[in-house]
Amino acid sequence: MTSDHKKPGVAFWATVVVIGVLIPTAIYVGAYAWVIEPVSVVAHLTSGEKHRFVVARYPRLGQSSIWRTFFGPANQLDRLVRPYVWQKD
């Protein structure tokens, strides 16, 4: 008795990649896009100077720093892809 077991083909591995990598990535990026809010902030220095910069705010998630850590990689990528949103005013 011989057994004819086929090895997984290209279609199988493409499906594994889509399910294992692309779908979770799309969910992560979509969640980031839904919760992010770029906010312009003015910092007053002791020398009297003012500096303006844009920070990420997550109003739908609260003030916990865990969100800044969790969405940090997406925020860095967003700053590269959309610099016009994150530039100083």
PDB file of N, CA and C in Angstrom:
ATOM      1  N   MET A   1       0.832  -1.172   0.000  1.00  0.00           N
ATOM      2  CA  MET A   1       0.000   0.000   0.000  1.00  0.00           C
ATOM      3  C   MET A   1       0.881   1.242   0.000  1.00  0.00           C
ATOM      4  N   THR A   2       0.683   2.037  -0.983  1.00  0.00           N
ATOM      5  CA  THR A   2       1.414   3.296  -1.047  1.00  0.00           C
ATOM      6  C   THR A   2       0.456   4.441  -0.774  1.00  0.00           C
ATOM      7  N   SER A   3       1.000   5.471  -0.233  1.00  0.00           N
ATOM      8  CA  SER A   3       0.200   6.638   0.115  1.00  0.00           C
ATOM      9  C   SER A   3       0.579   7.797  -0.793  1.00  0.00           C
ATOM     10  N   ASP A   4      -0.388   8.378  -1.471  1.00  0.00           N
ATOM     11  CA  ASP A   4      -0.152   9.513  -2.363  1.00  0.00           C
ATOM     12  C   ASP A   4      -0.571  10.814  -1.673  1.00  0.00           C
ATOM     13  N   HIS A   5       0.285  11.300  -0.808  1.00  0.00           N
ATOM     14  CA  HIS A   5       0.021  12.571  -0.146  1.00  0.00           C
ATOM     15  C   HIS A   5       0.743  13.657  -0.920  1.00  0.00           C
ATOM     16  N   LYS A   6      -0.007  14.655  -1.341  1.00  0.00           N
ATOM     17  CA  LYS A   6       0.597  15.782  -2.051  1.00  0.00           C
ATOM     18  C   LYS A   6       1.176  16.771  -1.043  1.00  0.00           C
ATOM     19  N   LYS A   7       2.246  17.417  -1.436  1.00  0.00           N
ATOM     20  CA  LYS A   7       2.797  18.504  -0.622  1.00  0.00           C
ATOM     21  C   LYS A   7       1.974  19.760  -0.890  1.00  0.00           C
ATOM     22  N   PRO A   8       1.893  20.650   0.090  1.00  0.00           N
ATOM     23  CA  PRO A   8       1.135  21.885  -0.124  1.00  0.00           C
ATOM     24  C   PRO A   8       1.708  22.684  -1.289  1.00  0.00           C
ATOM     25  N   GLY A   9       0.820  23.222  -2.100  1.00  0.00           N
ATOM     26  CA  GLY A   9       1.245  23.976  -3.274  1.00  0.00           C
ATOM     27  C   GLY A   9       1.292  25.467  -3.016  1.00  0.00           C
ATOM     28  N   VAL A  10       1.491  26.201  -4.097  1.00  0.00           N
ATOM     29  CA  VAL A  10       1.606  27.660  -4.033  1.00  0.00           C
ATOM     30  C   VAL A  10       0.304  28.284  -3.532  1.00  0.00           C
ATOM     31  N   ALA A  11      -0.818  27.788  -3.976  1.00  0.00           N
ATOM     32  CA  ALA A  11      -2.104  28.354  -3.556  1.00  0.00           C
ATOM     33  C   ALA A  11      -2.300  28.211  -2.047  1.00  0.00           C
ATOM     34  N   PHE A  12      -1.891  27.096  -1.495  1.00  0.00           N
ATOM     35  CA  PHE A  12      -2.008  26.893  -0.055  1.00  0.00           C
ATOM     36  C   PHE A  12      -1.155  27.897   0.706  1.00  0.00           C
ATOM     37  N   TRP A  13       0.096  28.060   0.299  1.00  0.00           N
ATOM     38  CA  TRP A  13       0.981  28.970   1.016  1.00  0.00           C
ATOM     39  C   TRP A  13       0.570  30.427   0.818  1.00  0.00           C
ATOM     40  N   ALA A  14       0.020  30.768  -0.334  1.00  0.00           N
ATOM     41  CA  ALA A  14      -0.494  32.120  -0.545  1.00  0.00           C
ATOM     42  C   ALA A  14      -1.666  32.387   0.397  1.00  0.00           C
ATOM     43  N   THR A  15      -2.515  31.399   0.588  1.00  0.00           N
ATOM     44  CA  THR A  15      -3.634  31.524   1.513  1.00  0.00           C
ATOM     45  C   THR A  15      -3.146  31.685   2.949  1.00  0.00           C
ATOM     46  N   VAL A  16      -2.135  30.935   3.315  1.00  0.00           N
ATOM     47  CA  VAL A  16      -1.561  31.046   4.664  1.00  0.00           C
ATOM     48  C   VAL A  16      -1.012  32.445   4.892  1.00  0.00           C
ATOM     49  N   VAL A  17      -0.325  33.001   3.905  1.00  0.00           N
ATOM     50  CA  VAL A  17       0.234  34.353   4.032  1.00  0.00           C
ATOM     51  C   VAL A  17      -0.880  35.376   4.170  1.00  0.00           C
ATOM     52  N   VAL A  18      -1.914  35.264   3.353  1.00  0.00           N
ATOM     53  CA  VAL A  18      -3.022  36.222   3.421  1.00  0.00           C
ATOM     54  C   VAL A  18      -3.709  36.157   4.782  1.00  0.00           C
ATOM     55  N   ILE A  19      -4.004  34.978   5.234  1.00  0.00           N
ATOM     56  CA  ILE A  19      -4.704  34.832   6.514  1.00  0.00           C
ATOM     57  C   ILE A  19      -3.797  35.181   7.688  1.00  0.00           C
ATOM     58  N   GLY A  20      -2.553  34.773   7.622  1.00  0.00           N
ATOM     59  CA  GLY A  20      -1.648  34.947   8.757  1.00  0.00           C
ATOM     60  C   GLY A  20      -0.975  36.301   8.865  1.00  0.00           C
ATOM     61  N   VAL A  21      -0.826  37.016   7.740  1.00  0.00           N
ATOM     62  CA  VAL A  21      -0.079  38.274   7.765  1.00  0.00           C
ATOM     63  C   VAL A  21      -0.917  39.450   7.288  1.00  0.00           C
ATOM     64  N   LEU A  22      -1.494  39.352   6.128  1.00  0.00           N
ATOM     65  CA  LEU A  22      -2.157  40.506   5.535  1.00  0.00           C
ATOM     66  C   LEU A  22      -3.438  40.918   6.262  1.00  0.00           C
ATOM     67  N   ILE A  23      -4.236  39.979   6.680  1.00  0.00           N
ATOM     68  CA  ILE A  23      -5.482  40.325   7.367  1.00  0.00           C
ATOM     69  C   ILE A  23      -5.215  40.978   8.722  1.00  0.00           C
ATOM     70  N   PRO A  24      -4.342  40.417   9.582  1.00  0.00           N
ATOM     71  CA  PRO A  24      -4.058  41.125  10.848  1.00  0.00           C
ATOM     72  C   PRO A  24      -3.425  42.502  10.632  1.00  0.00           C
ATOM     73  N   THR A  25      -2.585  42.636   9.621  1.00  0.00           N
ATOM     74  CA  THR A  25      -1.984  43.934   9.326  1.00  0.00           C
ATOM     75  C   THR A  25      -3.045  44.937   8.911  1.00  0.00           C
ATOM     76  N   ALA A  26      -3.972  44.513   8.082  1.00  0.00           N
ATOM     77  CA  ALA A  26      -5.055  45.400   7.653  1.00  0.00           C
ATOM     78  C   ALA A  26      -5.931  45.811   8.830  1.00  0.00           C
ATOM     79  N   ILE A  27      -6.187  44.918   9.739  1.00  0.00           N
ATOM     80  CA  ILE A  27      -6.988  45.241  10.928  1.00  0.00           C
ATOM     81  C   ILE A  27      -6.252  46.238  11.809  1.00  0.00           C
ATOM     82  N   TYR A  28      -4.947  46.044  11.998  1.00  0.00           N
ATOM     83  CA  TYR A  28      -4.126  46.944  12.822  1.00  0.00           C
ATOM     84  C   TYR A  28      -4.087  48.355  12.223  1.00  0.00           C
ATOM     85  N   VAL A  29      -3.816  48.446  10.921  1.00  0.00           N
ATOM     86  CA  VAL A  29      -3.741  49.751  10.258  1.00  0.00           C
ATOM     87  C   VAL A  29      -5.113  50.420  10.242  1.00  0.00           C
ATOM     88  N   GLY A  30      -6.159  49.644  10.015  1.00  0.00           N
ATOM     89  CA  GLY A  30      -7.504  50.206  10.043  1.00  0.00           C
ATOM     90  C   GLY A  30      -7.882  50.743  11.415  1.00  0.00           C
ATOM     91  N   ALA A  31      -7.514  50.016  12.458  1.00  0.00           N
ATOM     92  CA  ALA A  31      -7.790  50.483  13.819  1.00  0.00           C
ATOM     93  C   ALA A  31      -7.013  51.760  14.111  1.00  0.00           C
ATOM     94  N   TYR A  32      -5.775  51.827  13.678  1.00  0.00           N
ATOM     95  CA  TYR A  32      -4.967  53.040  13.866  1.00  0.00           C
ATOM     96  C   TYR A  32      -5.623  54.222  13.164  1.00  0.00           C
ATOM     97  N   ALA A  33      -6.034  54.021  11.908  1.00  0.00           N
ATOM     98  CA  ALA A  33      -6.652  55.110  11.149  1.00  0.00           C
ATOM     99  C   ALA A  33      -7.948  55.572  11.794  1.00  0.00           C
ATOM    100  N   TRP A  34      -8.661  54.672  12.443  1.00  0.00           N
ATOM    101  CA  TRP A  34      -9.930  55.020  13.070  1.00  0.00           C
ATOM    102  C   TRP A  34      -9.740  55.817  14.353  1.00  0.00           C
ATOM    103  N   VAL A  35      -8.676  55.526  15.116  1.00  0.00           N
ATOM    104  CA  VAL A  35      -8.526  56.150  16.435  1.00  0.00           C
ATOM    105  C   VAL A  35      -7.572  57.339  16.475  1.00  0.00           C
ATOM    106  N   ILE A  36      -6.734  57.529  15.468  1.00  0.00           N
ATOM    107  CA  ILE A  36      -5.711  58.582  15.528  1.00  0.00           C
ATOM    108  C   ILE A  36      -6.311  59.963  15.305  1.00  0.00           C
ATOM    109  N   GLU A  37      -5.778  60.932  16.006  1.00  0.00           N
ATOM    110  CA  GLU A  37      -6.149  62.322  15.797  1.00  0.00           C
ATOM    111  C   GLU A  37      -4.891  63.170  15.976  1.00  0.00           C
ATOM    112  N   PRO A  38      -4.318  63.698  14.890  1.00  0.00           N
ATOM    113  CA  PRO A  38      -3.161  64.577  15.019  1.00  0.00           C
ATOM    114  C   PRO A  38      -3.582  65.900  15.667  1.00  0.00           C
ATOM    115  N   VAL A  39      -2.869  66.303  16.717  1.00  0.00           N
ATOM    116  CA  VAL A  39      -3.203  67.520  17.448  1.00  0.00           C
ATOM    117  C   VAL A  39      -1.976  68.422  17.494  1.00  0.00           C
ATOM    118  N   SER A  40      -2.170  69.693  17.142  1.00  0.00           N
ATOM    119  CA  SER A  40      -1.090  70.671  17.205  1.00  0.00           C
ATOM    120  C   SER A  40      -0.919  71.139  18.649  1.00  0.00           C
ATOM    121  N   VAL A  41       0.324  71.162  19.110  1.00  0.00           N
ATOM    122  CA  VAL A  41       0.634  71.533  20.490  1.00  0.00           C
ATOM    123  C   VAL A  41       1.676  72.651  20.473  1.00  0.00           C
ATOM    124  N   VAL A  42       1.533  73.588  21.385  1.00  0.00           N
ATOM    125  CA  VAL A  42       2.503  74.669  21.532  1.00  0.00           C
ATOM    126  C   VAL A  42       3.222  74.474  22.860  1.00  0.00           C
ATOM    127  N   ALA A  43       4.547  74.421  22.815  1.00  0.00           N
ATOM    128  CA  ALA A  43       5.354  74.292  24.027  1.00  0.00           C
ATOM    129  C   ALA A  43       6.012  75.646  24.308  1.00  0.00           C
ATOM    130  N   HIS A  44       5.817  76.143  25.522  1.00  0.00           N
ATOM    131  CA  HIS A  44       6.434  77.403  25.937  1.00  0.00           C
ATOM    132  C   HIS A  44       7.704  77.071  26.722  1.00  0.00           C
ATOM    133  N   LEU A  45       8.830  77.508  26.204  1.00  0.00           N
ATOM    134  CA  LEU A  45      10.102  77.246  26.866  1.00  0.00           C
ATOM    135  C   LEU A  45      10.385  78.326  27.906  1.00  0.00           C
ATOM    136  N   THR A  46      11.302  78.033  28.805  1.00  0.00           N
ATOM    137  CA  THR A  46      11.645  79.000  29.852  1.00  0.00           C
ATOM    138  C   THR A  46      12.312  80.241  29.266  1.00  0.00           C
ATOM    139  N   SER A  47      12.903  80.114  28.091  1.00  0.00           N
ATOM    140  CA  SER A  47      13.552  81.267  27.457  1.00  0.00           C
ATOM    141  C   SER A  47      12.533  82.176  26.773  1.00  0.00           C
ATOM    142  N   GLY A  48      11.254  81.801  26.822  1.00  0.00           N
ATOM    143  CA  GLY A  48      10.210  82.623  26.220  1.00  0.00           C
ATOM    144  C   GLY A  48       9.867  82.208  24.794  1.00  0.00           C
ATOM    145  N   GLU A  49      10.604  81.264  24.247  1.00  0.00           N
ATOM    146  CA  GLU A  49      10.333  80.806  22.887  1.00  0.00           C
ATOM    147  C   GLU A  49       9.130  79.858  22.877  1.00  0.00           C
ATOM    148  N   LYS A  50       8.471  79.825  21.730  1.00  0.00           N
ATOM    149  CA  LYS A  50       7.375  78.895  21.537  1.00  0.00           C
ATOM    150  C   LYS A  50       7.757  77.904  20.438  1.00  0.00           C
ATOM    151  N   HIS A  51       7.467  76.656  20.673  1.00  0.00           N
ATOM    152  CA  HIS A  51       7.687  75.626  19.661  1.00  0.00           C
ATOM    153  C   HIS A  51       6.366  74.932  19.392  1.00  0.00           C
ATOM    154  N   ARG A  52       6.050  74.798  18.104  1.00  0.00           N
ATOM    155  CA  ARG A  52       4.831  74.100  17.706  1.00  0.00           C
ATOM    156  C   ARG A  52       5.207  72.741  17.124  1.00  0.00           C
ATOM    157  N   PHE A  53       4.448  71.720  17.505  1.00  0.00           N
ATOM    158  CA  PHE A  53       4.629  70.399  16.932  1.00  0.00           C
ATOM    159  C   PHE A  53       3.301  69.655  16.992  1.00  0.00           C
ATOM    160  N   VAL A  54       3.224  68.574  16.249  1.00  0.00           N
ATOM    161  CA  VAL A  54       1.991  67.800  16.167  1.00  0.00           C
ATOM    162  C   VAL A  54       2.208  66.468  16.877  1.00  0.00           C
ATOM    163  N   VAL A  55       1.273  66.114  17.751  1.00  0.00           N
ATOM    164  CA  VAL A  55       1.344  64.857  18.490  1.00  0.00           C
ATOM    165  C   VAL A  55       0.132  63.997  18.144  1.00  0.00           C
ATOM    166  N   ALA A  56       0.279  62.709  18.379  1.00  0.00           N
ATOM    167  CA  ALA A  56      -0.820  61.774  18.151  1.00  0.00           C
ATOM    168  C   ALA A  56      -1.685  61.707  19.392  1.00  0.00           C
ATOM    169  N   ARG A  57      -2.985  61.777  19.188  1.00  0.00           N
ATOM    170  CA  ARG A  57      -3.938  61.652  20.285  1.00  0.00           C
ATOM    171  C   ARG A  57      -4.933  60.566  19.913  1.00  0.00           C
ATOM    172  N   TYR A  58      -5.341  59.784  20.873  1.00  0.00           N
ATOM    173  CA  TYR A  58      -6.276  58.682  20.657  1.00  0.00           C
ATOM    174  C   TYR A  58      -7.524  58.918  21.496  1.00  0.00           C
ATOM    175  N   PRO A  59      -8.418  59.833  21.079  1.00  0.00           N
ATOM    176  CA  PRO A  59      -9.553  60.215  21.914  1.00  0.00           C
ATOM    177  C   PRO A  59     -10.553  59.092  22.152  1.00  0.00           C
ATOM    178  N   ARG A  60     -10.661  58.148  21.244  1.00  0.00           N
ATOM    179  CA  ARG A  60     -11.627  57.059  21.420  1.00  0.00           C
ATOM    180  C   ARG A  60     -11.134  56.000  22.406  1.00  0.00           C
ATOM    181  N   LEU A  61      -9.848  56.054  22.768  1.00  0.00           N
ATOM    182  CA  LEU A  61      -9.271  55.012  23.614  1.00  0.00           C
ATOM    183  C   LEU A  61      -8.878  55.480  25.004  1.00  0.00           C
ATOM    184  N   GLY A  62      -8.913  56.770  25.268  1.00  0.00           N
ATOM    185  CA  GLY A  62      -8.533  57.273  26.577  1.00  0.00           C
ATOM    186  C   GLY A  62      -7.092  57.746  26.603  1.00  0.00           C
ATOM    187  N   GLN A  63      -6.603  58.048  27.785  1.00  0.00           N
ATOM    188  CA  GLN A  63      -5.288  58.655  27.951  1.00  0.00           C
ATOM    189  C   GLN A  63      -4.182  57.668  28.308  1.00  0.00           C
ATOM    190  N   SER A  64      -4.449  56.396  28.294  1.00  0.00           N
ATOM    191  CA  SER A  64      -3.451  55.400  28.670  1.00  0.00           C
ATOM    192  C   SER A  64      -2.270  55.404  27.699  1.00  0.00           C
ATOM    193  N   SER A  65      -1.070  55.310  28.230  1.00  0.00           N
ATOM    194  CA  SER A  65       0.127  55.312  27.384  1.00  0.00           C
ATOM    195  C   SER A  65       0.305  54.003  26.618  1.00  0.00           C
ATOM    196  N   ILE A  66      -0.473  52.999  26.964  1.00  0.00           N
ATOM    197  CA  ILE A  66      -0.359  51.721  26.248  1.00  0.00           C
ATOM    198  C   ILE A  66      -0.726  51.892  24.775  1.00  0.00           C
ATOM    199  N   TRP A  67      -1.655  52.794  24.475  1.00  0.00           N
ATOM    200  CA  TRP A  67      -2.040  52.993  23.075  1.00  0.00           C
ATOM    201  C   TRP A  67      -0.928  53.654  22.294  1.00  0.00           C
ATOM    202  N   ARG A  68      -0.197  54.563  22.907  1.00  0.00           N
ATOM    203  CA  ARG A  68       0.940  55.206  22.242  1.00  0.00           C
ATOM    204  C   ARG A  68       2.010  54.158  21.923  1.00  0.00           C
ATOM    205  N   THR A  69       2.185  53.197  22.807  1.00  0.00           N
ATOM    206  CA  THR A  69       3.143  52.113  22.590  1.00  0.00           C
ATOM    207  C   THR A  69       2.632  51.142  21.533  1.00  0.00           C
ATOM    208  N   PHE A  70       1.368  50.756  21.624  1.00  0.00           N
ATOM    209  CA  PHE A  70       0.797  49.783  20.702  1.00  0.00           C
ATOM    210  C   PHE A  70       0.750  50.322  19.274  1.00  0.00           C
ATOM    211  N   PHE A  71       0.348  51.583  19.115  1.00  0.00           N
ATOM    212  CA  PHE A  71       0.237  52.170  17.785  1.00  0.00           C
ATOM    213  C   PHE A  71       1.486  52.949  17.381  1.00  0.00           C
ATOM    214  N   GLY A  72       2.566  52.870  18.138  1.00  0.00           N
ATOM    215  CA  GLY A  72       3.803  53.574  17.808  1.00  0.00           C
ATOM    216  C   GLY A  72       4.361  53.239  16.435  1.00  0.00           C
ATOM    217  N   PRO A  73       4.486  51.958  16.080  1.00  0.00           N
ATOM    218  CA  PRO A  73       4.990  51.638  14.739  1.00  0.00           C
ATOM    219  C   PRO A  73       4.098  52.183  13.619  1.00  0.00           C
ATOM    220  N   ALA A  74       2.793  52.125  13.799  1.00  0.00           N
ATOM    221  CA  ALA A  74       1.878  52.658  12.782  1.00  0.00           C
ATOM    222  C   ALA A  74       2.014  54.177  12.704  1.00  0.00           C
ATOM    223  N   ASN A  75       2.222  54.827  13.844  1.00  0.00           N
ATOM    224  CA  ASN A  75       2.389  56.276  13.843  1.00  0.00           C
ATOM    225  C   ASN A  75       3.673  56.686  13.139  1.00  0.00           C
ATOM    226  N   GLN A  76       4.747  55.949  13.354  1.00  0.00           N
ATOM    227  CA  GLN A  76       6.006  56.257  12.668  1.00  0.00           C
ATOM    228  C   GLN A  76       5.857  56.095  11.159  1.00  0.00           C
ATOM    229  N   LEU A  77       5.171  55.052  10.736  1.00  0.00           N
ATOM    230  CA  LEU A  77       4.926  54.844   9.307  1.00  0.00           C
ATOM    231  C   LEU A  77       4.020  55.943   8.754  1.00  0.00           C
ATOM    232  N   ASP A  78       3.023  56.335   9.521  1.00  0.00           N
ATOM    233  CA  ASP A  78       2.119  57.402   9.101  1.00  0.00           C
ATOM    234  C   ASP A  78       2.872  58.713   8.924  1.00  0.00           C
ATOM    235  N   ARG A  79       3.809  58.992   9.805  1.00  0.00           N
ATOM    236  CA  ARG A  79       4.600  60.219   9.689  1.00  0.00           C
ATOM    237  C   ARG A  79       5.477  60.211   8.433  1.00  0.00           C
ATOM    238  N   LEU A  80       5.904  59.032   7.988  1.00  0.00           N
ATOM    239  CA  LEU A  80       6.672  58.940   6.747  1.00  0.00           C
ATOM    240  C   LEU A  80       5.775  59.053   5.511  1.00  0.00           C
ATOM    241  N   VAL A  81       4.602  58.436   5.575  1.00  0.00           N
ATOM    242  CA  VAL A  81       3.701  58.404   4.422  1.00  0.00           C
ATOM    243  C   VAL A  81       2.961  59.727   4.245  1.00  0.00           C
ATOM    244  N   ARG A  82       2.533  60.346   5.349  1.00  0.00           N
ATOM    245  CA  ARG A  82       1.774  61.593   5.281  1.00  0.00           C
ATOM    246  C   ARG A  82       2.471  62.701   6.071  1.00  0.00           C
ATOM    247  N   PRO A  83       3.633  63.175   5.624  1.00  0.00           N
ATOM    248  CA  PRO A  83       4.335  64.199   6.395  1.00  0.00           C
ATOM    249  C   PRO A  83       3.588  65.528   6.460  1.00  0.00           C
ATOM    250  N   TYR A  84       2.752  65.836   5.485  1.00  0.00           N
ATOM    251  CA  TYR A  84       1.998  67.082   5.489  1.00  0.00           C
ATOM    252  C   TYR A  84       1.025  67.169   6.671  1.00  0.00           C
ATOM    253  N   VAL A  85       0.609  66.028   7.222  1.00  0.00           N
ATOM    254  CA  VAL A  85      -0.288  66.032   8.380  1.00  0.00           C
ATOM    255  C   VAL A  85       0.499  66.272   9.655  1.00  0.00           C
ATOM    256  N   TRP A  86       1.745  65.818   9.693  1.00  0.00           N
ATOM    257  CA  TRP A  86       2.529  65.828  10.913  1.00  0.00           C
ATOM    258  C   TRP A  86       3.574  66.937  10.959  1.00  0.00           C
ATOM    259  N   GLN A  87       3.585  67.834   9.984  1.00  0.00           N
ATOM    260  CA  GLN A  87       4.551  68.936   9.985  1.00  0.00           C
ATOM    261  C   GLN A  87       4.181  69.980  11.035  1.00  0.00           C
ATOM    262  N   LYS A  88       5.200  70.738  11.431  1.00  0.00           N
ATOM    263  CA  LYS A  88       4.968  71.827  12.362  1.00  0.00           C
ATOM    264  C   LYS A  88       4.114  72.891  11.681  1.00  0.00           C
ATOM    265  N   ASP A  89       3.260  73.526  12.466  1.00  0.00           N
ATOM    266  CA  ASP A  89       2.411  74.609  11.921  1.00  0.00           C
ATOM    267  C   ASP A  89       3.222  75.853  11.704  1.00  0.00           C
TER     268      ASP A  89
END
